[in-house]
C-alpha atoms as a PDB file:
ATOM      1  CA  MET A   1       0.000   0.000   0.000  1.00  0.00           C
ATOM      2  CA  GLU A   2       1.301   3.442  -0.899  1.00  0.00           C
ATOM      3  CA  ILE A   3       1.269   5.703   2.153  1.00  0.00           C
ATOM      4  CA  THR A   4      -1.116   8.540   1.202  1.00  0.00           C
ATOM      5  CA  PRO A   5      -3.750  10.356   3.283  1.00  0.00           C
ATOM      6  CA  LYS A   6      -6.550   8.562   1.411  1.00  0.00           C
ATOM      7  CA  ASN A   7      -5.000   5.114   1.904  1.00  0.00           C
ATOM      8  CA  VAL A   8      -4.180   5.753   5.567  1.00  0.00           C
ATOM      9  CA  ASN A   9      -7.750   6.902   6.231  1.00  0.00           C
ATOM     10  CA  ARG A  10      -9.104   3.795   4.463  1.00  0.00           C
ATOM     11  CA  PHE A  11      -6.713   1.610   6.492  1.00  0.00           C
ATOM     12  CA  MET A  12      -7.930   3.314   9.661  1.00  0.00           C
ATOM     13  CA  PHE A  13     -11.559   2.467   8.830  1.00  0.00           C
ATOM     14  CA  PHE A  14     -10.724  -1.255   8.716  1.00  0.00           C
ATOM     15  CA  LYS A  15      -7.833  -1.621  11.194  1.00  0.00           C
ATOM     16  CA  LEU A  16      -8.267   1.305  13.657  1.00  0.00           C
ATOM     17  CA  PRO A  17     -12.035   1.760  13.867  1.00  0.00           C
ATOM     18  CA  LEU A  18     -11.891   3.754  17.092  1.00  0.00           C
ATOM     19  CA  GLY A  19      -9.702   6.328  15.352  1.00  0.00           C
ATOM     20  CA  TRP A  20     -12.086   6.453  12.402  1.00  0.00           C
ATOM     21  CA  LEU A  21     -15.162   6.807  14.631  1.00  0.00           C
ATOM     22  CA  SER A  22     -13.499   9.582  16.636  1.00  0.00           C
ATOM     23  CA  GLY A  23     -13.328  11.661  13.446  1.00  0.00           C
ATOM     24  CA  MET A  24      -9.545  11.526  13.149  1.00  0.00           C
ATOM     25  CA  ARG A  25      -8.318  11.981   9.544  1.00  0.00           C
ATOM     26  CA  VAL A  26      -4.915  12.432   7.915  1.00  0.00           C
ATOM     27  CA  ILE A  27      -5.254  15.573   5.806  1.00  0.00           C
ATOM     28  CA  LEU A  28      -1.665  16.275   4.713  1.00  0.00           C
ATOM     29  CA  LEU A  29       1.368  14.087   4.213  1.00  0.00           C
ATOM     30  CA  ASP A  30       4.661  14.896   2.543  1.00  0.00           C
ATOM     31  CA  LYS A  31       8.309  13.904   3.006  1.00  0.00           C
ATOM     32  CA  THR A  32       8.748  15.704   6.332  1.00  0.00           C
ATOM     33  CA  THR A  33       5.268  16.565   7.620  1.00  0.00           C
ATOM     34  CA  CYS A  34       2.032  14.849   8.590  1.00  0.00           C
ATOM     35  CA  VAL A  35      -1.099  16.713   9.705  1.00  0.00           C
ATOM     36  CA  VAL A  36      -4.006  14.907  11.360  1.00  0.00           C
ATOM     37  CA  GLN A  37      -7.337  16.609  11.991  1.00  0.00           C
ATOM     38  CA  ILE A  38      -9.718  15.688  14.762  1.00  0.00           C
ATOM     39  CA  LYS A  39     -12.917  17.555  15.522  1.00  0.00           C
ATOM     40  CA  HIS A  40     -14.439  17.936  18.978  1.00  0.00           C
ATOM     41  CA  ARG A  41     -17.656  15.902  18.830  1.00  0.00           C
ATOM     42  CA  TRP A  42     -19.987  14.101  21.172  1.00  0.00           C
ATOM     43  CA  LEU A  43     -18.127  10.817  20.685  1.00  0.00           C
ATOM     44  CA  ASN A  44     -14.698  12.151  21.754  1.00  0.00           C
ATOM     45  CA  GLN A  45     -15.739  14.654  24.427  1.00  0.00           C
ATOM     46  CA  ASN A  46     -15.064  14.638  28.144  1.00  0.00           C
ATOM     47  CA  PRO A  47     -17.492  15.860  30.861  1.00  0.00           C
ATOM     48  CA  PHE A  48     -15.986  19.372  30.625  1.00  0.00           C
ATOM     49  CA  GLN A  49     -17.246  20.075  27.076  1.00  0.00           C
ATOM     50  CA  SER A  50     -13.839  19.650  25.467  1.00  0.00           C
ATOM     51  CA  MET A  51     -12.001  16.859  23.692  1.00  0.00           C
ATOM     52  CA  PHE A  52     -10.952  13.887  25.810  1.00  0.00           C
ATOM     53  CA  TRP A  53      -7.182  13.747  26.323  1.00  0.00           C
ATOM     54  CA  ALA A  54      -6.932  10.259  24.809  1.00  0.00           C
ATOM     55  CA  ALA A  55      -8.563  11.407  21.555  1.00  0.00           C
ATOM     56  CA  GLN A  56      -5.961  14.159  21.326  1.00  0.00           C
ATOM     57  CA  GLY A  57      -3.189  11.662  22.044  1.00  0.00           C
ATOM     58  CA  MET A  58      -4.510   9.308  19.381  1.00  0.00           C
ATOM     59  CA  ALA A  59      -4.406  12.063  16.728  1.00  0.00           C
ATOM     60  CA  ALA A  60      -0.965  13.222  17.875  1.00  0.00           C
ATOM     61  CA  GLU A  61       0.428   9.679  17.722  1.00  0.00           C
ATOM     62  CA  MET A  62      -1.082   9.197  14.271  1.00  0.00           C
ATOM     63  CA  SER A  63       0.745  12.309  13.002  1.00  0.00           C
ATOM     64  CA  THR A  64       4.078  10.791  14.079  1.00  0.00           C
ATOM     65  CA  GLY A  65       3.296   7.170  13.232  1.00  0.00           C
ATOM     66  CA  VAL A  66       2.209   7.867   9.657  1.00  0.00           C
ATOM     67  CA  LEU A  67       5.542   9.620   9.028  1.00  0.00           C
ATOM     68  CA  VAL A  68       7.360   6.587  10.442  1.00  0.00           C
ATOM     69  CA  MET A  69       5.307   4.244   8.235  1.00  0.00           C
ATOM     70  CA  LYS A  70       6.021   6.389   5.166  1.00  0.00           C
ATOM     71  CA  GLU A  71       9.780   6.381   5.801  1.00  0.00           C
ATOM     72  CA  ILE A  72       9.794   2.638   6.384  1.00  0.00           C
ATOM     73  CA  ARG A  73       7.984   2.168   3.065  1.00  0.00           C
ATOM     74  CA  ASN A  74      10.460   4.496   1.323  1.00  0.00           C
ATOM     75  CA  SER A  75      13.426   2.549   2.729  1.00  0.00           C
ATOM     76  CA  SER A  76      12.231  -0.725   1.109  1.00  0.00           C
ATOM     77  CA  LYS A  77      13.443  -2.517   4.258  1.00  0.00           C
ATOM     78  CA  LYS A  78      11.619  -4.363   6.992  1.00  0.00           C
ATOM     79  CA  VAL A  79      11.735  -2.095  10.025  1.00  0.00           C
ATOM     80  CA  SER A  80      10.119  -2.710  13.387  1.00  0.00           C
ATOM     81  CA  MET A  81       8.482   0.322  14.995  1.00  0.00           C
ATOM     82  CA  LEU A  82       7.271   0.726  18.553  1.00  0.00           C
ATOM     83  CA  VAL A  83       6.350   3.642  20.798  1.00  0.00           C
ATOM     84  CA  THR A  84       8.476   3.243  23.927  1.00  0.00           C
ATOM     85  CA  HIS A  85       7.633   6.491  25.727  1.00  0.00           C
ATOM     86  CA  GLN A  86       5.074   9.292  25.452  1.00  0.00           C
ATOM     87  CA  GLU A  87       4.529  12.655  27.126  1.00  0.00           C
ATOM     88  CA  GLY A  88       1.655  15.086  26.693  1.00  0.00           C
ATOM     89  CA  ASN A  89       1.032  18.670  27.728  1.00  0.00           C
ATOM     90  CA  PHE A  90      -2.434  20.202  27.652  1.00  0.00           C
ATOM     91  CA  LEU A  91      -2.371  23.970  27.377  1.00  0.00           C
ATOM     92  CA  LYS A  92      -5.941  25.040  26.504  1.00  0.00           C
ATOM     93  CA  LYS A  93      -9.380  23.510  26.247  1.00  0.00           C
ATOM     94  CA  ALA A  94      -9.585  21.540  22.987  1.00  0.00           C
ATOM     95  CA  THR A  95     -12.794  22.409  21.126  1.00  0.00           C
ATOM     96  CA  GLY A  96     -13.613  22.739  17.435  1.00  0.00           C
ATOM     97  CA  ASN A  97     -11.157  21.420  14.851  1.00  0.00           C
ATOM     98  CA  ILE A  98      -7.702  20.552  16.129  1.00  0.00           C
ATOM     99  CA  LEU A  99      -4.791  19.947  13.744  1.00  0.00           C
ATOM    100  CA  PHE A 100      -1.951  17.808  15.091  1.00  0.00           C
ATOM    101  CA  SER A 101       1.245  18.319  13.099  1.00  0.00           C
ATOM    102  CA  CYS A 102       4.568  16.504  13.135  1.00  0.00           C
ATOM    103  CA  ASN A 103       7.414  17.965  11.057  1.00  0.00           C
ATOM    104  CA  ASP A 104      10.158  15.482  11.988  1.00  0.00           C
ATOM    105  CA  GLY A 105      10.342  13.336   8.847  1.00  0.00           C
ATOM    106  CA  GLU A 106      14.062  14.001   8.354  1.00  0.00           C
ATOM    107  CA  ARG A 107      14.844  12.710  11.852  1.00  0.00           C
ATOM    108  CA  ILE A 108      13.068   9.437  11.007  1.00  0.00           C
ATOM    109  CA  GLN A 109      15.063   9.085   7.776  1.00  0.00           C
ATOM    110  CA  GLU A 110      18.306   9.584   9.737  1.00  0.00           C
ATOM    111  CA  ALA A 111      17.321   7.017  12.384  1.00  0.00           C
ATOM    112  CA  ILE A 112      16.506   4.378   9.747  1.00  0.00           C
ATOM    113  CA  GLN A 113      19.812   5.054   7.976  1.00  0.00           C
ATOM    114  CA  ARG A 114      21.711   4.713  11.285  1.00  0.00           C
ATOM    115  CA  SER A 115      19.944   1.413  11.974  1.00  0.00           C
ATOM    116  CA  LEU A 116      20.844   0.171   8.488  1.00  0.00           C
ATOM    117  CA  LYS A 117      24.484   1.158   9.026  1.00  0.00           C
ATOM    118  CA  THR A 118      24.894  -0.216  12.560  1.00  0.00           C
ATOM    119  CA  GLY A 119      22.361  -3.052  12.626  1.00  0.00           C
ATOM    120  CA  GLU A 120      21.166  -1.703  15.965  1.00  0.00           C
ATOM    121  CA  GLY A 121      17.848  -0.263  17.024  1.00  0.00           C
ATOM    122  CA  GLN A 122      17.540   3.507  17.069  1.00  0.00           C
ATOM    123  CA  VAL A 123      15.412   5.807  19.190  1.00  0.00           C
ATOM    124  CA  VAL A 124      13.893   8.922  17.685  1.00  0.00           C
ATOM    125  CA  VAL A 125      11.784  11.444  19.597  1.00  0.00           C
ATOM    126  CA  LEU A 126       9.060  13.078  17.511  1.00  0.00           C
ATOM    127  CA  THR A 127       6.874  16.015  18.501  1.00  0.00           C
ATOM    128  CA  SER A 128       3.295  16.743  17.550  1.00  0.00           C
ATOM    129  CA  LYS A 129       1.553  20.042  18.254  1.00  0.00           C
ATOM    130  CA  GLY A 130      -2.211  20.485  18.374  1.00  0.00           C
ATOM    131  CA  ILE A 131      -3.467  23.824  17.057  1.00  0.00           C
ATOM    132  CA  ASN A 132      -7.122  24.960  17.189  1.00  0.00           C
ATOM    133  CA  ASP A 133      -9.102  26.983  14.621  1.00  0.00           C
ATOM    134  CA  SER A 134      -7.842  30.231  16.179  1.00  0.00           C
ATOM    135  CA  GLY A 135      -4.197  29.220  15.749  1.00  0.00           C
ATOM    136  CA  VAL A 136      -3.715  28.589  19.479  1.00  0.00           C
ATOM    137  CA  GLU A 137      -1.686  25.595  20.623  1.00  0.00           C
ATOM    138  CA  VAL A 138      -3.953  23.447  22.790  1.00  0.00           C
ATOM    139  CA  ALA A 139      -1.632  20.479  23.362  1.00  0.00           C
ATOM    140  CA  ASN A 140       1.734  19.058  22.455  1.00  0.00           C
ATOM    141  CA  PHE A 141       3.061  15.530  22.636  1.00  0.00           C
ATOM    142  CA  LEU A 142       6.432  13.797  22.501  1.00  0.00           C
ATOM    143  CA  PHE A 143       6.580  10.236  21.205  1.00  0.00           C
ATOM    144  CA  GLN A 144       9.720   8.166  21.529  1.00  0.00           C
ATOM    145  CA  TRP A 145       9.810   5.624  18.711  1.00  0.00           C
ATOM    146  CA  SER A 146      12.171   2.651  18.638  1.00  0.00           C
ATOM    147  CA  LEU A 147      13.132   1.697  15.072  1.00  0.00           C
ATOM    148  CA  LYS A 148      15.180  -1.306  14.043  1.00  0.00           C
ATOM    149  CA  VAL A 149      15.934  -2.585  10.585  1.00  0.00           C
ATOM    150  CA  LYS A 150      15.381  -6.350  10.522  1.00  0.00           C
ATOM    151  CA  ASN A 151      17.797  -8.817   8.874  1.00  0.00           C
ATOM    152  CA  VAL A 152      20.605  -6.359   8.177  1.00  0.00           C
END
């Protein structure tokens, strides 16, 4: 499967139904950036009339994970990927449309190349920022991904 927003969203429908039902969608994907949109709705709300923290985390992780998947596909190698650590900061109430963006594609490329060269697993920390319709940052997340090229 080619890693495109349309294909990732279709994949999500069949393999990550909770993400699909939450309204999470990949809307932009290029060599270095992935943007995931999630809209505050009844299904992903908390009792305080804002988006549940886990829905935000799911969209933030998707923005990093899709970039990792794309770079693995581009490498033509079998690479294991696993989140080994995560941190989140919640700065404002998340309502309306929230765009989670990760711009760390180059760091993923470098980590895969290092793993190819050394045969060892690599750790890469990727950030995702959630911005609301007014341009205000509502949350940010750090995801530590472990990447290892198999059968080097």
